Protein backbone atom coordinates (compact mmCIF):
# COMPACT_ATOMS: atom_id res chain seq x y z
CA MET A 1 -19.34 -3.73 -8.72
CA HIS A 2 -18.27 -1.65 -5.73
CA ILE A 3 -14.63 -0.48 -5.91
CA PHE A 4 -12.13 0.17 -3.11
CA ASP A 5 -8.74 1.48 -4.29
CA ALA A 6 -6.36 0.05 -1.69
CA HIS A 7 -3.22 1.97 -2.70
CA VAL A 8 -3.38 5.76 -3.07
CA HIS A 9 -0.65 8.30 -2.31
CA ILE A 10 -1.84 11.79 -1.41
CA TYR A 11 0.04 15.06 -0.81
CA PRO A 12 -0.82 18.62 0.24
CA ASP A 13 -1.70 20.66 -2.85
CA LYS A 14 1.28 23.01 -2.44
CA ILE A 15 3.80 20.18 -2.85
CA ALA A 16 1.75 17.63 -4.80
CA GLU A 17 3.10 18.29 -8.29
CA LYS A 18 6.70 18.29 -7.09
CA ALA A 19 6.17 15.10 -5.07
CA SER A 20 4.51 13.36 -8.01
CA GLN A 21 7.35 14.38 -10.32
CA HIS A 22 9.90 13.08 -7.82
CA VAL A 23 8.19 9.68 -7.69
CA GLY A 24 8.19 9.52 -11.47
CA GLU A 25 11.90 10.26 -11.56
CA PHE A 26 12.57 7.62 -8.88
CA TYR A 27 10.89 4.92 -11.00
CA ASN A 28 11.70 6.43 -14.41
CA ILE A 29 7.99 6.38 -15.21
CA THR A 30 5.79 9.16 -16.59
CA MET A 31 3.21 10.00 -13.95
CA ASN A 32 -0.41 10.25 -15.06
CA PHE A 33 -1.50 12.82 -12.45
CA ASP A 34 -0.33 15.77 -10.38
CA GLY A 35 -0.82 14.07 -6.99
CA LYS A 36 -3.51 16.46 -5.79
CA ILE A 37 -6.42 15.03 -3.85
CA GLY A 38 -9.03 16.87 -5.90
CA THR A 39 -7.64 15.51 -9.15
CA MET A 40 -7.93 11.95 -7.90
CA VAL A 41 -11.33 12.25 -6.24
CA GLU A 42 -13.03 13.75 -9.30
CA LYS A 43 -11.88 11.07 -11.73
CA TRP A 44 -12.01 8.13 -9.30
CA ARG A 45 -15.63 8.90 -8.41
CA LYS A 46 -16.51 8.98 -12.11
CA HIS A 47 -15.24 5.41 -12.32
CA GLY A 48 -17.31 4.30 -9.36
CA VAL A 49 -14.61 4.22 -6.68
CA GLU A 50 -16.31 4.48 -3.30
CA ARG A 51 -13.34 4.15 -0.94
CA CYS A 52 -9.58 4.70 -1.06
CA LEU A 53 -6.80 3.65 1.29
CA VAL A 54 -4.65 6.80 1.45
CA HIS A 55 -1.14 7.31 2.80
CA SER A 56 2.10 9.19 2.36
CA VAL A 57 5.72 8.42 3.25
CA ALA A 58 8.07 10.21 5.64
CA THR A 59 11.61 10.31 4.28
CA THR A 60 12.91 11.93 7.48
CA HIS A 61 12.11 11.44 11.17
CA ASP A 62 10.69 14.93 11.70
CA GLN A 63 8.12 14.58 8.90
CA VAL A 64 6.19 11.82 10.67
CA PRO A 65 3.73 13.78 12.86
CA LYS A 66 3.09 16.41 10.18
CA ILE A 67 2.28 13.80 7.55
CA ASN A 68 0.06 11.87 9.93
CA ASP A 69 -1.84 15.03 10.82
CA PHE A 70 -2.31 15.66 7.08
CA ILE A 71 -3.62 12.13 6.50
CA LYS A 72 -6.05 12.51 9.42
CA ALA A 73 -7.31 15.88 8.12
CA SER A 74 -7.72 14.44 4.62
CA VAL A 75 -9.71 11.47 5.92
CA ASP A 76 -11.97 13.80 7.92
CA ALA A 77 -12.59 15.99 4.86
CA SER A 78 -13.31 13.10 2.48
CA ASP A 79 -16.97 12.48 3.36
CA GLY A 80 -16.24 8.84 4.08
CA MET A 81 -14.25 8.13 0.92
CA PHE A 82 -10.82 7.86 2.57
CA VAL A 83 -9.39 5.34 5.00
CA GLY A 84 -6.00 6.49 6.27
CA PHE A 85 -2.70 4.77 7.05
CA CYS A 86 -0.02 6.67 8.96
CA THR A 87 3.71 6.84 8.30
CA LEU A 88 6.63 5.99 10.59
CA HIS A 89 10.41 6.16 10.14
CA PRO A 90 13.01 3.56 11.21
CA SER A 91 15.15 6.20 12.91
CA MET A 92 12.42 6.69 15.54
CA SER A 93 13.05 5.24 18.99
CA ALA A 94 10.80 2.54 20.40
CA LYS A 95 9.19 5.16 22.68
CA GLU A 96 8.54 7.49 19.74
CA VAL A 97 6.99 4.67 17.73
CA GLU A 98 4.82 3.69 20.71
CA ASP A 99 3.63 7.27 21.21
CA GLU A 100 2.84 7.76 17.52
CA ILE A 101 0.99 4.46 17.22
CA GLU A 102 -1.14 5.36 20.23
CA ARG A 103 -1.77 8.79 18.70
CA ILE A 104 -2.79 7.47 15.27
CA ILE A 105 -5.07 4.84 16.77
CA GLY A 106 -6.71 7.61 18.76
CA MET A 107 -7.15 9.60 15.54
CA GLY A 108 -8.87 6.67 13.83
CA LEU A 109 -6.14 5.87 11.32
CA LYS A 110 -6.18 2.19 10.44
CA GLY A 111 -2.57 1.15 9.82
CA VAL A 112 0.98 2.02 8.83
CA LYS A 113 2.55 2.48 5.38
CA LEU A 114 6.31 1.91 4.98
CA HIS A 115 8.38 2.34 1.81
CA PRO A 116 11.79 0.77 2.45
CA ASP A 117 13.25 1.86 -0.90
CA CYS A 118 12.37 5.55 -0.41
CA GLN A 119 13.07 5.48 3.34
CA LYS A 120 16.30 3.54 2.73
CA PHE A 121 16.00 0.73 5.24
CA GLN A 122 15.94 -3.03 4.89
CA ILE A 123 12.63 -4.62 5.84
CA ASP A 124 14.35 -7.03 8.25
CA GLU A 125 17.06 -4.79 9.70
CA PRO A 126 17.17 -4.34 13.52
CA ALA A 127 15.67 -0.82 13.54
CA ALA A 128 12.75 -1.99 11.43
CA MET A 129 12.23 -5.08 13.57
CA GLN A 130 12.04 -2.76 16.59
CA MET A 131 9.16 -0.89 14.93
CA TYR A 132 7.27 -4.11 14.26
CA GLU A 133 7.82 -5.28 17.82
CA VAL A 134 6.16 -2.12 19.12
CA ILE A 135 3.29 -2.34 16.63
CA ASP A 136 2.95 -6.12 16.91
CA GLY A 137 -0.62 -6.90 15.92
CA ARG A 138 -2.23 -3.58 16.86
CA VAL A 139 -2.62 -2.24 13.32
CA PRO A 140 -1.67 -3.70 9.92
CA ILE A 141 1.43 -2.60 8.01
CA LEU A 142 1.45 -1.94 4.26
CA PHE A 143 4.92 -2.39 2.75
CA HIS A 144 6.20 -1.33 -0.60
CA THR A 145 7.77 -4.62 -1.68
CA GLY A 146 10.22 -5.44 -4.43
CA ASP A 147 12.37 -3.57 -6.94
CA LYS A 148 15.10 -5.34 -8.83
CA ARG A 149 17.34 -2.27 -8.49
CA TYR A 150 17.54 -2.45 -4.68
CA ASP A 151 17.83 -4.88 -1.79
CA TYR A 152 15.77 -2.95 0.78
CA SER A 153 12.42 -4.65 0.20
CA ASN A 154 13.15 -7.86 -1.62
CA PRO A 155 10.77 -10.79 -0.93
CA ASP A 156 13.28 -12.70 1.21
CA ARG A 157 13.47 -9.77 3.63
CA MET A 158 9.69 -9.47 3.63
CA ARG A 159 9.42 -13.16 4.48
CA ALA A 160 11.90 -12.84 7.35
CA ALA A 161 9.86 -10.05 8.97
CA ALA A 162 6.53 -11.83 8.47
CA LYS A 163 7.91 -15.03 10.00
CA ARG A 164 9.37 -13.16 12.97
CA PHE A 165 6.02 -11.51 13.79
CA PRO A 166 3.28 -14.02 12.90
CA ARG A 167 0.56 -12.01 14.71
CA GLN A 168 1.26 -8.94 12.59
CA LYS A 169 -1.01 -8.46 9.57
CA MET A 170 1.11 -7.30 6.64
CA ILE A 171 0.32 -6.22 3.09
CA GLY A 172 2.92 -6.74 0.38
CA ALA A 173 2.21 -4.08 -2.23
CA HIS A 174 2.64 -4.71 -5.96
CA LEU A 175 1.75 -8.41 -5.73
CA GLY A 176 4.54 -8.92 -3.23
CA GLY A 177 7.40 -7.65 -5.35
CA TYR A 178 7.49 -4.81 -7.87
CA SER A 179 9.53 -5.95 -10.91
CA VAL A 180 10.39 -9.28 -9.21
CA TRP A 181 6.93 -10.89 -9.25
CA GLU A 182 8.16 -14.32 -10.31
CA LYS A 183 10.49 -14.40 -7.29
CA ALA A 184 8.00 -12.97 -4.81
CA VAL A 185 5.16 -15.45 -5.27
CA PRO A 186 6.94 -18.66 -4.20
CA VAL A 187 8.65 -16.85 -1.31
CA LEU A 188 5.54 -15.21 0.15
CA ALA A 189 2.50 -17.28 -0.87
CA ASP A 190 2.51 -19.61 2.15
CA LEU A 191 2.56 -16.84 4.80
CA ASP A 192 -0.76 -16.74 6.68
CA ASN A 193 -0.22 -13.19 7.96
CA MET A 194 0.31 -11.62 4.52
CA TRP A 195 -2.07 -10.03 2.03
CA PHE A 196 -1.23 -8.36 -1.29
CA ASP A 197 -2.35 -5.47 -3.48
CA GLU A 198 -1.86 -5.57 -7.23
CA SER A 199 -1.00 -1.90 -7.74
CA SER A 200 1.83 -1.04 -10.17
CA SER A 201 1.82 -4.60 -11.49
CA LEU A 202 -0.77 -5.06 -14.22
CA ALA A 203 1.01 -2.68 -16.63
CA PHE A 204 4.06 -4.96 -16.59
CA ILE A 205 2.73 -8.51 -16.46
CA THR A 206 0.32 -10.38 -18.71
CA PRO A 207 -3.26 -11.15 -17.67
CA GLU A 208 -2.22 -14.81 -17.58
CA GLN A 209 0.62 -14.06 -15.17
CA ALA A 210 -1.69 -11.93 -13.02
CA LYS A 211 -4.16 -14.80 -12.78
CA GLU A 212 -1.36 -17.21 -11.87
CA TYR A 213 -0.09 -14.95 -9.08
CA ILE A 214 -3.57 -14.20 -7.73
CA ASN A 215 -4.38 -17.90 -7.63
CA ALA A 216 -1.08 -18.65 -5.90
CA TYR A 217 -1.77 -16.12 -3.15
CA GLY A 218 -5.49 -16.86 -3.08
CA ALA A 219 -8.10 -14.43 -4.39
CA ASP A 220 -9.23 -13.87 -0.77
CA ARG A 221 -5.88 -12.19 -0.02
CA VAL A 222 -5.54 -9.76 -2.94
CA PHE A 223 -6.69 -6.12 -3.13
CA PHE A 224 -7.18 -3.81 -6.12
CA GLY A 225 -5.01 -0.68 -6.13
CA THR A 226 -3.89 2.02 -8.57
CA ASP A 227 -0.81 3.59 -6.90
CA TYR A 228 -2.19 7.06 -7.65
CA PRO A 229 -0.76 9.40 -8.93
CA MET A 230 1.18 6.88 -11.00
CA TRP A 231 -1.58 5.09 -12.92
CA ASP A 232 -4.98 6.03 -14.35
CA ILE A 233 -7.99 4.39 -12.72
CA GLY A 234 -9.64 3.71 -16.08
CA ASP A 235 -6.55 1.98 -17.45
CA GLU A 236 -6.11 -0.09 -14.30
CA LEU A 237 -9.72 -1.25 -14.34
CA GLU A 238 -9.37 -2.24 -17.99
CA ARG A 239 -6.23 -4.23 -17.19
CA PHE A 240 -7.98 -5.87 -14.27
CA ASP A 241 -10.94 -6.80 -16.48
CA ARG A 242 -8.60 -8.69 -18.83
CA ILE A 243 -7.70 -11.18 -16.11
CA ASP A 244 -9.71 -14.39 -16.34
CA LEU A 245 -11.39 -14.31 -12.95
CA THR A 246 -14.83 -15.32 -11.74
CA ASP A 247 -17.33 -12.66 -10.75
CA SER A 248 -16.89 -13.73 -7.15
CA GLN A 249 -13.12 -13.29 -7.34
CA ARG A 250 -13.51 -9.85 -8.93
CA GLU A 251 -15.91 -8.72 -6.24
CA LYS A 252 -13.55 -9.89 -3.51
CA ILE A 253 -10.49 -8.17 -4.99
CA LEU A 254 -12.29 -4.93 -5.84
CA TRP A 255 -14.26 -4.55 -2.61
CA THR A 256 -14.85 -7.29 -0.08
CA ASN A 257 -11.31 -8.35 0.83
CA ILE A 258 -9.96 -4.95 1.84
CA ASN A 259 -13.13 -3.99 3.69
CA LYS A 260 -12.99 -7.21 5.72
CA PHE A 261 -9.25 -6.77 6.29
CA LEU A 262 -9.83 -3.29 7.76
CA GLY A 263 -12.89 -4.34 9.75
CA LEU A 264 -15.26 -2.21 7.70
CA LEU A 265 -17.66 -5.04 6.78
């Protein structure tokens, strides 16, 4: 089957190893890779990955344009393998968000990635709501969601934002709630403007739980993702294969859903 990895972090080579190590320390997880683009591309292609949704996160306001320029350059150099999402920061003014959204649309980037836990904002706080109001429906937003250690991105806050902006297409990463999956599913499953990737989930839940959550959301609304540089593509595909899904459901999650979502099919 064709494979589209819908959750990949990338970094410039000169800071990639340090950035990857920092992420590992943040989650207290041993990272599988050094975060470099070349490392990922070589192994992912060997496993048949044809496309990747790539992004990076700005932890300060001034990083935003530099990171977005890096994502654009990486997409252009990828020979069609990469689809890019930009970053924003909640400390930006409405005018700054507007200008950057116009700029990234002009560059051909396809959406926005936000990581409330790393960027230290609550999904439904006023500054964040201002960002969504500016974006409202123009490009999708991919959110890191969930983490039992924090309150920034819990499913209730994700629901509040999705309900406030029903035209806005949103992706809840990690099956809607990293480490709080059982809470996320009943809170988010009925939202028509939400989709979900299953990155950083399958190592922690059983195949039976994964099937339950996928069925609750609907297999048409779930994307495959690895959360590179955290997890190995081979291991993630093996975990995915253990879930009792039909061939049609597998094809949708691995390829069709995300391509349709991004308007690439």
